[in-house]
Amino acid sequence: MTTDQVGGRPAFDLGQSPQGGAVSLEPATPKGLKPCTFENLMERYVHNPRLRTLVALIGGCVSPVYAMEVAVLTSFRKIRSERQRELFDALDQGGIELTDELIEQEEFIHAFLATARAADRTRQRQKIRLFAQLLRALASHKDGFDVDEHEELLRVLEDLSPREFASLVLLRQHEHAVARKNGETTPQWIFHFWEDAKHDLEQKLGIPSAELEGFLVRLSRTGFYRREIGFLGEANEIGCTTPSLARFLSMLYTEEGMLLLDIEPASAENGTGSEG
């Protein structure tokens, strides 16, 4: 390792080590300084029990000195256990067909681990069931498991708040209720149901009319909703869902034709974007 001439910072020497073996790209630990491990971080923040507790959460290490760490870690493990149980229950009840061939595939293992991590990161039990349903749908696909598609859709589903997801479902229901006539433009068709849809978005999901345009602009990031463009190229307030949403929702319905979503106006979150 050499030293950079500007700031005196450690720089990496990519030559061979004196022993002739592979060279590590990790900087050596200066003399007198302990390697950065969770145990050393616990010692470093011994003066701040609450910060030390957060270190313990990440590292899973507990000192018997602080009962607070034990209590918080116990709660943390209980939460993780409940989320994992929700995921496995959903996979079991969803009828996923696990074969030896499937669970030995690198693609499936990768997708399952990504699903488990997503389940760990959300407090929404309904979302965990949707994660499981997405995995089941792609694992059951006749053309084989598409790990890239799973990664993309899982990322979108993770990012959607419950209220955003419910709004997409609600808009699609309004679209299905109005048949499109021959020769009718998309804006003309949308105008038939738009006011009713706006009313439901406000009354059922708590999205005020004054905030609807901004909400829908954010919703378009998913690729499941598009705003209509006017004759002069300006974006209208109105819009509709995309074929990508139809395919996405088809994966999330159970074999009994149920969508695992239950959101009431009183529980609709005020914020948009990812809400865990």
C-alpha atoms as a PDB file:
ATOM      1  CA  MET A   1       0.000   0.000   0.000  1.00  0.00           C
ATOM      2  CA  THR A   2       1.261   3.483  -0.875  1.00  0.00           C
ATOM      3  CA  THR A   3       0.174   6.926   0.254  1.00  0.00           C
ATOM      4  CA  ASP A   4      -1.582   9.379  -1.987  1.00  0.00           C
ATOM      5  CA  GLN A   5       0.391  12.607  -2.453  1.00  0.00           C
ATOM      6  CA  VAL A   6      -2.539  14.988  -2.026  1.00  0.00           C
ATOM      7  CA  GLY A   7      -4.343  14.087   1.152  1.00  0.00           C
ATOM      8  CA  GLY A   8      -2.054  11.541   2.769  1.00  0.00           C
ATOM      9  CA  ARG A   9      -4.803   8.934   2.401  1.00  0.00           C
ATOM     10  CA  PRO A  10      -3.975   5.237   2.011  1.00  0.00           C
ATOM     11  CA  ALA A  11      -3.853   4.175  -1.633  1.00  0.00           C
ATOM     12  CA  PHE A  12      -3.860   0.658  -3.044  1.00  0.00           C
ATOM     13  CA  ASP A  13      -0.758  -0.887  -4.603  1.00  0.00           C
ATOM     14  CA  LEU A  14      -1.920  -3.365  -7.220  1.00  0.00           C
ATOM     15  CA  GLY A  15       1.436  -5.107  -7.445  1.00  0.00           C
ATOM     16  CA  GLN A  16       2.154  -8.549  -6.060  1.00  0.00           C
ATOM     17  CA  SER A  17       2.404  -9.136  -2.356  1.00  0.00           C
ATOM     18  CA  PRO A  18       5.864  -9.957  -0.931  1.00  0.00           C
ATOM     19  CA  GLN A  19       4.749 -13.577  -0.654  1.00  0.00           C
ATOM     20  CA  GLY A  20       3.799 -13.626  -4.328  1.00  0.00           C
ATOM     21  CA  GLY A  21       0.111 -14.317  -3.676  1.00  0.00           C
ATOM     22  CA  ALA A  22      -3.004 -12.394  -4.619  1.00  0.00           C
ATOM     23  CA  VAL A  23      -3.101  -8.824  -3.388  1.00  0.00           C
ATOM     24  CA  SER A  24      -6.051  -7.781  -1.229  1.00  0.00           C
ATOM     25  CA  LEU A  25      -7.727  -4.527  -2.232  1.00  0.00           C
ATOM     26  CA  GLU A  26      -8.667  -3.899   1.401  1.00  0.00           C
ATOM     27  CA  PRO A  27      -6.452  -1.291   3.088  1.00  0.00           C
ATOM     28  CA  ALA A  28      -4.361  -2.581   5.958  1.00  0.00           C
ATOM     29  CA  THR A  29      -5.483  -1.598   9.451  1.00  0.00           C
ATOM     30  CA  PRO A  30      -3.069   1.064  10.828  1.00  0.00           C
ATOM     31  CA  LYS A  31      -1.142   0.115  13.942  1.00  0.00           C
ATOM     32  CA  GLY A  32      -2.996   0.805  17.166  1.00  0.00           C
ATOM     33  CA  LEU A  33      -6.405   0.836  15.455  1.00  0.00           C
ATOM     34  CA  LYS A  34      -8.675  -2.179  15.809  1.00  0.00           C
ATOM     35  CA  PRO A  35     -10.345  -3.612  12.679  1.00  0.00           C
ATOM     36  CA  CYS A  36     -13.900  -2.305  12.248  1.00  0.00           C
ATOM     37  CA  THR A  37     -16.072  -5.138  13.544  1.00  0.00           C
ATOM     38  CA  PHE A  38     -19.469  -5.033  15.170  1.00  0.00           C
ATOM     39  CA  GLU A  39     -17.892  -5.984  18.482  1.00  0.00           C
ATOM     40  CA  ASN A  40     -15.525  -3.005  18.263  1.00  0.00           C
ATOM     41  CA  LEU A  41     -18.396  -0.709  17.320  1.00  0.00           C
ATOM     42  CA  MET A  42     -20.202  -1.905  20.437  1.00  0.00           C
ATOM     43  CA  GLU A  43     -17.176  -0.858  22.479  1.00  0.00           C
ATOM     44  CA  ARG A  44     -16.825   2.438  20.613  1.00  0.00           C
ATOM     45  CA  TYR A  45     -20.351   3.563  21.510  1.00  0.00           C
ATOM     46  CA  VAL A  46     -20.426   2.245  25.070  1.00  0.00           C
ATOM     47  CA  HIS A  47     -21.242   5.797  26.194  1.00  0.00           C
ATOM     48  CA  ASN A  48     -24.439   5.861  24.074  1.00  0.00           C
ATOM     49  CA  PRO A  49     -26.646   2.864  24.977  1.00  0.00           C
ATOM     50  CA  ARG A  50     -29.339   3.641  22.381  1.00  0.00           C
ATOM     51  CA  LEU A  51     -26.897   4.001  19.487  1.00  0.00           C
ATOM     52  CA  ARG A  52     -25.169   0.849  20.713  1.00  0.00           C
ATOM     53  CA  THR A  53     -28.531  -0.916  20.601  1.00  0.00           C
ATOM     54  CA  LEU A  54     -28.897  -0.012  16.907  1.00  0.00           C
ATOM     55  CA  VAL A  55     -25.401  -1.389  16.257  1.00  0.00           C
ATOM     56  CA  ALA A  56     -26.510  -4.598  17.949  1.00  0.00           C
ATOM     57  CA  LEU A  57     -29.560  -4.787  15.683  1.00  0.00           C
ATOM     58  CA  ILE A  58     -27.365  -4.732  12.583  1.00  0.00           C
ATOM     59  CA  GLY A  59     -24.649  -7.022  13.867  1.00  0.00           C
ATOM     60  CA  GLY A  60     -26.717  -9.390  15.956  1.00  0.00           C
ATOM     61  CA  CYS A  61     -24.182  -9.176  18.800  1.00  0.00           C
ATOM     62  CA  VAL A  62     -25.316  -8.585  22.359  1.00  0.00           C
ATOM     63  CA  SER A  63     -23.377  -7.633  25.434  1.00  0.00           C
ATOM     64  CA  PRO A  64     -24.851  -8.958  28.673  1.00  0.00           C
ATOM     65  CA  VAL A  65     -24.205  -5.554  30.236  1.00  0.00           C
ATOM     66  CA  TYR A  66     -27.169  -3.857  28.565  1.00  0.00           C
ATOM     67  CA  ALA A  67     -30.630  -5.351  29.045  1.00  0.00           C
ATOM     68  CA  MET A  68     -31.964  -2.815  26.509  1.00  0.00           C
ATOM     69  CA  GLU A  69     -30.036  -4.528  23.705  1.00  0.00           C
ATOM     70  CA  VAL A  70     -31.466  -7.902  24.626  1.00  0.00           C
ATOM     71  CA  ALA A  71     -35.017  -6.543  24.744  1.00  0.00           C
ATOM     72  CA  VAL A  72     -34.768  -4.727  21.406  1.00  0.00           C
ATOM     73  CA  LEU A  73     -33.092  -7.668  19.677  1.00  0.00           C
ATOM     74  CA  THR A  74     -35.773 -10.006  21.016  1.00  0.00           C
ATOM     75  CA  SER A  75     -38.447  -7.716  19.582  1.00  0.00           C
ATOM     76  CA  PHE A  76     -36.554  -7.419  16.288  1.00  0.00           C
ATOM     77  CA  ARG A  77     -36.224 -11.186  15.921  1.00  0.00           C
ATOM     78  CA  LYS A  78     -39.917 -11.622  16.725  1.00  0.00           C
ATOM     79  CA  ILE A  79     -40.855  -9.142  13.993  1.00  0.00           C
ATOM     80  CA  ARG A  80     -38.596 -10.882  11.462  1.00  0.00           C
ATOM     81  CA  SER A  81     -39.970 -14.262  12.442  1.00  0.00           C
ATOM     82  CA  GLU A  82     -43.558 -13.078  11.960  1.00  0.00           C
ATOM     83  CA  ARG A  83     -42.763 -11.619   8.526  1.00  0.00           C
ATOM     84  CA  GLN A  84     -40.997 -14.803   7.446  1.00  0.00           C
ATOM     85  CA  ARG A  85     -43.898 -16.914   8.685  1.00  0.00           C
ATOM     86  CA  GLU A  86     -46.302 -14.725   6.691  1.00  0.00           C
ATOM     87  CA  LEU A  87     -44.213 -15.320   3.573  1.00  0.00           C
ATOM     88  CA  PHE A  88     -44.009 -19.096   4.011  1.00  0.00           C
ATOM     89  CA  ASP A  89     -47.709 -19.352   4.896  1.00  0.00           C
ATOM     90  CA  ALA A  90     -48.565 -17.425   1.749  1.00  0.00           C
ATOM     91  CA  LEU A  91     -46.347 -19.677  -0.387  1.00  0.00           C
ATOM     92  CA  ASP A  92     -47.870 -22.775   1.207  1.00  0.00           C
ATOM     93  CA  GLN A  93     -51.477 -21.614   0.872  1.00  0.00           C
ATOM     94  CA  GLY A  94     -50.866 -20.178  -2.596  1.00  0.00           C
ATOM     95  CA  GLY A  95     -50.218 -23.641  -3.962  1.00  0.00           C
ATOM     96  CA  ILE A  96     -46.675 -23.106  -5.205  1.00  0.00           C
ATOM     97  CA  GLU A  97     -45.419 -26.359  -6.710  1.00  0.00           C
ATOM     98  CA  LEU A  98     -41.905 -26.870  -5.425  1.00  0.00           C
ATOM     99  CA  THR A  99     -40.007 -29.543  -7.306  1.00  0.00           C
ATOM    100  CA  ASP A 100     -36.423 -30.662  -6.760  1.00  0.00           C
ATOM    101  CA  GLU A 101     -35.573 -29.277 -10.184  1.00  0.00           C
ATOM    102  CA  LEU A 102     -37.066 -25.871  -9.369  1.00  0.00           C
ATOM    103  CA  ILE A 103     -35.466 -25.321  -5.961  1.00  0.00           C
ATOM    104  CA  GLU A 104     -32.048 -26.305  -7.319  1.00  0.00           C
ATOM    105  CA  GLN A 105     -32.161 -23.642 -10.049  1.00  0.00           C
ATOM    106  CA  GLU A 106     -29.910 -20.665  -9.436  1.00  0.00           C
ATOM    107  CA  GLU A 107     -32.571 -18.353 -10.882  1.00  0.00           C
ATOM    108  CA  PHE A 108     -35.247 -19.549  -8.462  1.00  0.00           C
ATOM    109  CA  ILE A 109     -32.903 -19.431  -5.455  1.00  0.00           C
ATOM    110  CA  HIS A 110     -31.935 -15.869  -6.396  1.00  0.00           C
ATOM    111  CA  ALA A 111     -35.606 -14.859  -6.745  1.00  0.00           C
ATOM    112  CA  PHE A 112     -36.600 -16.535  -3.481  1.00  0.00           C
ATOM    113  CA  LEU A 113     -33.839 -14.778  -1.535  1.00  0.00           C
ATOM    114  CA  ALA A 114     -34.836 -11.447  -3.087  1.00  0.00           C
ATOM    115  CA  THR A 115     -38.441 -12.131  -2.077  1.00  0.00           C
ATOM    116  CA  ALA A 116     -37.406 -12.991   1.491  1.00  0.00           C
ATOM    117  CA  ARG A 117     -35.368  -9.780   1.745  1.00  0.00           C
ATOM    118  CA  ALA A 118     -38.330  -7.762   0.452  1.00  0.00           C
ATOM    119  CA  ALA A 119     -40.585  -9.399   3.043  1.00  0.00           C
ATOM    120  CA  ASP A 120     -38.089  -8.478   5.772  1.00  0.00           C
ATOM    121  CA  ARG A 121     -38.203  -4.835   4.708  1.00  0.00           C
ATOM    122  CA  THR A 122     -41.966  -4.257   4.850  1.00  0.00           C
ATOM    123  CA  ARG A 123     -44.400  -4.043   7.732  1.00  0.00           C
ATOM    124  CA  GLN A 124     -47.336  -4.598   5.350  1.00  0.00           C
ATOM    125  CA  ARG A 125     -48.574  -8.182   5.680  1.00  0.00           C
ATOM    126  CA  GLN A 126     -50.669  -7.824   2.528  1.00  0.00           C
ATOM    127  CA  LYS A 127     -47.558  -6.825   0.618  1.00  0.00           C
ATOM    128  CA  ILE A 128     -45.733  -9.928   1.835  1.00  0.00           C
ATOM    129  CA  ARG A 129     -48.578 -12.070   0.481  1.00  0.00           C
ATOM    130  CA  LEU A 130     -48.326 -10.241  -2.852  1.00  0.00           C
ATOM    131  CA  PHE A 131     -44.554 -10.910  -2.922  1.00  0.00           C
ATOM    132  CA  ALA A 132     -45.297 -14.604  -2.419  1.00  0.00           C
ATOM    133  CA  GLN A 133     -47.966 -14.585  -5.111  1.00  0.00           C
ATOM    134  CA  LEU A 134     -45.588 -12.961  -7.609  1.00  0.00           C
ATOM    135  CA  LEU A 135     -42.943 -15.613  -6.913  1.00  0.00           C
ATOM    136  CA  ARG A 136     -45.524 -18.392  -7.244  1.00  0.00           C
ATOM    137  CA  ALA A 137     -46.862 -17.017 -10.542  1.00  0.00           C
ATOM    138  CA  LEU A 138     -43.453 -16.794 -12.191  1.00  0.00           C
ATOM    139  CA  ALA A 139     -42.321 -20.149 -10.753  1.00  0.00           C
ATOM    140  CA  SER A 140     -45.405 -21.749 -12.334  1.00  0.00           C
ATOM    141  CA  HIS A 141     -44.885 -20.182 -15.757  1.00  0.00           C
ATOM    142  CA  LYS A 142     -44.893 -22.761 -18.529  1.00  0.00           C
ATOM    143  CA  ASP A 143     -41.961 -21.121 -20.327  1.00  0.00           C
ATOM    144  CA  GLY A 144     -39.708 -21.352 -17.292  1.00  0.00           C
ATOM    145  CA  PHE A 145     -38.675 -18.937 -14.588  1.00  0.00           C
ATOM    146  CA  ASP A 146     -37.709 -15.462 -15.798  1.00  0.00           C
ATOM    147  CA  VAL A 147     -35.502 -14.092 -13.027  1.00  0.00           C
ATOM    148  CA  ASP A 148     -35.064 -10.710 -14.734  1.00  0.00           C
ATOM    149  CA  GLU A 149     -38.818 -10.143 -14.965  1.00  0.00           C
ATOM    150  CA  HIS A 150     -39.219 -11.188 -11.341  1.00  0.00           C
ATOM    151  CA  GLU A 151     -36.537  -8.722 -10.243  1.00  0.00           C
ATOM    152  CA  GLU A 152     -38.165  -5.873 -12.153  1.00  0.00           C
ATOM    153  CA  LEU A 153     -41.701  -6.552 -10.925  1.00  0.00           C
ATOM    154  CA  LEU A 154     -40.620  -7.185  -7.350  1.00  0.00           C
ATOM    155  CA  ARG A 155     -38.819  -3.839  -7.325  1.00  0.00           C
ATOM    156  CA  VAL A 156     -41.944  -2.052  -8.588  1.00  0.00           C
ATOM    157  CA  LEU A 157     -44.164  -3.835  -6.064  1.00  0.00           C
ATOM    158  CA  GLU A 158     -41.780  -2.957  -3.237  1.00  0.00           C
ATOM    159  CA  ASP A 159     -41.817   0.694  -4.253  1.00  0.00           C
ATOM    160  CA  LEU A 160     -45.622   0.965  -4.476  1.00  0.00           C
ATOM    161  CA  SER A 161     -47.397   2.197  -1.377  1.00  0.00           C
ATOM    162  CA  PRO A 162     -50.652   0.391  -0.467  1.00  0.00           C
ATOM    163  CA  ARG A 163     -52.630   3.450  -1.549  1.00  0.00           C
ATOM    164  CA  GLU A 164     -50.843   3.676  -4.908  1.00  0.00           C
ATOM    165  CA  PHE A 165     -51.462  -0.008  -5.546  1.00  0.00           C
ATOM    166  CA  ALA A 166     -55.131   0.349  -4.586  1.00  0.00           C
ATOM    167  CA  SER A 167     -55.488   3.358  -6.898  1.00  0.00           C
ATOM    168  CA  LEU A 168     -54.188   1.355  -9.869  1.00  0.00           C
ATOM    169  CA  VAL A 169     -56.687  -1.417  -9.140  1.00  0.00           C
ATOM    170  CA  LEU A 170     -59.511   1.117  -8.748  1.00  0.00           C
ATOM    171  CA  LEU A 171     -58.674   2.893 -12.030  1.00  0.00           C
ATOM    172  CA  ARG A 172     -58.597  -0.431 -13.847  1.00  0.00           C
ATOM    173  CA  GLN A 173     -62.008  -1.326 -12.442  1.00  0.00           C
ATOM    174  CA  HIS A 174     -63.448   1.925 -13.826  1.00  0.00           C
ATOM    175  CA  GLU A 175     -61.857   1.237 -17.210  1.00  0.00           C
ATOM    176  CA  HIS A 176     -63.426  -2.213 -17.333  1.00  0.00           C
ATOM    177  CA  ALA A 177     -66.842  -0.773 -16.514  1.00  0.00           C
ATOM    178  CA  VAL A 178     -66.917   1.343 -19.699  1.00  0.00           C
ATOM    179  CA  ALA A 179     -66.684  -0.363 -23.085  1.00  0.00           C
ATOM    180  CA  ARG A 180     -64.681   1.539 -25.669  1.00  0.00           C
ATOM    181  CA  LYS A 181     -66.670   2.354 -28.804  1.00  0.00           C
ATOM    182  CA  ASN A 182     -65.369   1.970 -32.346  1.00  0.00           C
ATOM    183  CA  GLY A 183     -63.578   5.079 -33.533  1.00  0.00           C
ATOM    184  CA  GLU A 184     -63.409   6.568 -30.042  1.00  0.00           C
ATOM    185  CA  THR A 185     -60.122   8.196 -29.094  1.00  0.00           C
ATOM    186  CA  THR A 186     -58.470   7.315 -25.799  1.00  0.00           C
ATOM    187  CA  PRO A 187     -59.257  10.726 -24.198  1.00  0.00           C
ATOM    188  CA  GLN A 188     -62.902  10.449 -25.298  1.00  0.00           C
ATOM    189  CA  TRP A 189     -63.155   7.001 -23.727  1.00  0.00           C
ATOM    190  CA  ILE A 190     -61.473   8.142 -20.497  1.00  0.00           C
ATOM    191  CA  PHE A 191     -63.841  11.102 -20.102  1.00  0.00           C
ATOM    192  CA  HIS A 192     -66.752   8.650 -19.714  1.00  0.00           C
ATOM    193  CA  PHE A 193     -65.458   7.380 -16.372  1.00  0.00           C
ATOM    194  CA  TRP A 194     -62.927   9.986 -15.228  1.00  0.00           C
ATOM    195  CA  GLU A 195     -65.159  11.986 -12.882  1.00  0.00           C
ATOM    196  CA  ASP A 196     -66.440   8.821 -11.202  1.00  0.00           C
ATOM    197  CA  ALA A 197     -62.862   7.573 -10.835  1.00  0.00           C
ATOM    198  CA  LYS A 198     -61.758  10.894  -9.292  1.00  0.00           C
ATOM    199  CA  HIS A 199     -64.665  10.719  -6.854  1.00  0.00           C
ATOM    200  CA  ASP A 200     -63.727   7.180  -5.769  1.00  0.00           C
ATOM    201  CA  LEU A 201     -60.041   8.048  -5.446  1.00  0.00           C
ATOM    202  CA  GLU A 202     -60.993  10.840  -3.063  1.00  0.00           C
ATOM    203  CA  GLN A 203     -63.734   9.082  -1.106  1.00  0.00           C
ATOM    204  CA  LYS A 204     -62.220   5.598  -0.878  1.00  0.00           C
ATOM    205  CA  LEU A 205     -58.497   6.349  -0.804  1.00  0.00           C
ATOM    206  CA  GLY A 206     -58.373   9.868   0.574  1.00  0.00           C
ATOM    207  CA  ILE A 207     -56.734  11.558  -2.439  1.00  0.00           C
ATOM    208  CA  PRO A 208     -58.074  15.149  -2.684  1.00  0.00           C
ATOM    209  CA  SER A 209     -58.908  16.410  -6.180  1.00  0.00           C
ATOM    210  CA  ALA A 210     -56.432  19.262  -5.743  1.00  0.00           C
ATOM    211  CA  GLU A 211     -53.591  16.762  -5.172  1.00  0.00           C
ATOM    212  CA  LEU A 212     -54.646  14.196  -7.753  1.00  0.00           C
ATOM    213  CA  GLU A 213     -52.495  15.447 -10.628  1.00  0.00           C
ATOM    214  CA  GLY A 214     -49.286  15.256  -8.582  1.00  0.00           C
ATOM    215  CA  PHE A 215     -50.277  11.834  -7.266  1.00  0.00           C
ATOM    216  CA  LEU A 216     -50.816  10.520 -10.805  1.00  0.00           C
ATOM    217  CA  VAL A 217     -47.532  12.017 -12.030  1.00  0.00           C
ATOM    218  CA  ARG A 218     -45.733  10.016  -9.329  1.00  0.00           C
ATOM    219  CA  LEU A 219     -47.776   6.939 -10.210  1.00  0.00           C
ATOM    220  CA  SER A 220     -46.579   7.058 -13.828  1.00  0.00           C
ATOM    221  CA  ARG A 221     -43.043   6.132 -12.650  1.00  0.00           C
ATOM    222  CA  THR A 222     -44.234   2.522 -12.328  1.00  0.00           C
ATOM    223  CA  GLY A 223     -44.968   2.060 -16.029  1.00  0.00           C
ATOM    224  CA  PHE A 224     -48.485   0.938 -15.034  1.00  0.00           C
ATOM    225  CA  TYR A 225     -50.143   4.321 -15.629  1.00  0.00           C
ATOM    226  CA  ARG A 226     -49.749   6.845 -18.423  1.00  0.00           C
ATOM    227  CA  ARG A 227     -51.025  10.396 -18.769  1.00  0.00           C
ATOM    228  CA  GLU A 228     -52.730  11.387 -21.991  1.00  0.00           C
ATOM    229  CA  ILE A 229     -51.075  14.014 -24.160  1.00  0.00           C
ATOM    230  CA  GLY A 230     -53.218  16.841 -25.587  1.00  0.00           C
ATOM    231  CA  PHE A 231     -53.307  18.123 -29.135  1.00  0.00           C
ATOM    232  CA  LEU A 232     -50.606  20.724 -28.396  1.00  0.00           C
ATOM    233  CA  GLY A 233     -48.320  18.228 -26.706  1.00  0.00           C
ATOM    234  CA  GLU A 234     -49.252  19.212 -23.150  1.00  0.00           C
ATOM    235  CA  ALA A 235     -49.931  16.524 -20.537  1.00  0.00           C
ATOM    236  CA  ASN A 236     -53.578  16.275 -19.506  1.00  0.00           C
ATOM    237  CA  GLU A 237     -54.775  15.471 -16.018  1.00  0.00           C
ATOM    238  CA  ILE A 238     -56.533  12.395 -17.358  1.00  0.00           C
ATOM    239  CA  GLY A 239     -54.818   9.090 -18.036  1.00  0.00           C
ATOM    240  CA  CYS A 240     -55.266   5.337 -18.014  1.00  0.00           C
ATOM    241  CA  THR A 241     -53.534   2.166 -16.935  1.00  0.00           C
ATOM    242  CA  THR A 242     -51.207   0.275 -19.291  1.00  0.00           C
ATOM    243  CA  PRO A 243     -51.147  -3.321 -20.597  1.00  0.00           C
ATOM    244  CA  SER A 244     -48.188  -3.896 -18.265  1.00  0.00           C
ATOM    245  CA  LEU A 245     -50.527  -3.459 -15.303  1.00  0.00           C
ATOM    246  CA  ALA A 246     -52.954  -6.022 -16.724  1.00  0.00           C
ATOM    247  CA  ARG A 247     -50.169  -8.605 -16.917  1.00  0.00           C
ATOM    248  CA  PHE A 248     -48.849  -7.669 -13.491  1.00  0.00           C
ATOM    249  CA  LEU A 249     -52.262  -7.996 -11.834  1.00  0.00           C
ATOM    250  CA  SER A 250     -52.893 -11.329 -13.571  1.00  0.00           C
ATOM    251  CA  MET A 251     -49.874 -12.696 -11.697  1.00  0.00           C
ATOM    252  CA  LEU A 252     -51.105 -11.435  -8.355  1.00  0.00           C
ATOM    253  CA  TYR A 253     -54.550 -13.038  -8.450  1.00  0.00           C
ATOM    254  CA  THR A 254     -54.870 -16.326  -6.605  1.00  0.00           C
ATOM    255  CA  GLU A 255     -56.258 -19.457  -8.244  1.00  0.00           C
ATOM    256  CA  GLU A 256     -59.610 -18.542  -6.657  1.00  0.00           C
ATOM    257  CA  GLY A 257     -59.545 -15.234  -8.561  1.00  0.00           C
ATOM    258  CA  MET A 258     -58.861 -13.124  -5.469  1.00  0.00           C
ATOM    259  CA  LEU A 259     -56.461 -10.207  -5.284  1.00  0.00           C
ATOM    260  CA  LEU A 260     -54.749 -10.174  -1.902  1.00  0.00           C
ATOM    261  CA  LEU A 261     -55.520  -6.557  -1.172  1.00  0.00           C
ATOM    262  CA  ASP A 262     -57.722  -5.135   1.540  1.00  0.00           C
ATOM    263  CA  ILE A 263     -57.478  -1.394   2.015  1.00  0.00           C
ATOM    264  CA  GLU A 264     -60.128   0.736   3.676  1.00  0.00           C
ATOM    265  CA  PRO A 265     -60.420   4.546   3.463  1.00  0.00           C
ATOM    266  CA  ALA A 266     -59.589   4.892   7.161  1.00  0.00           C
ATOM    267  CA  SER A 267     -56.338   2.950   6.728  1.00  0.00           C
ATOM    268  CA  ALA A 268     -55.227   4.658   3.541  1.00  0.00           C
ATOM    269  CA  GLU A 269     -51.873   6.314   4.149  1.00  0.00           C
ATOM    270  CA  ASN A 270     -51.576  10.025   3.448  1.00  0.00           C
ATOM    271  CA  GLY A 271     -48.090   9.763   1.978  1.00  0.00           C
ATOM    272  CA  THR A 272     -47.256   8.469  -1.449  1.00  0.00           C
ATOM    273  CA  GLY A 273     -44.206   6.646  -2.643  1.00  0.00           C
ATOM    274  CA  SER A 274     -42.745   3.671  -0.856  1.00  0.00           C
ATOM    275  CA  GLU A 275     -44.200   3.177   2.597  1.00  0.00           C
ATOM    276  CA  GLY A 276     -42.672  -0.146   3.431  1.00  0.00           C
END
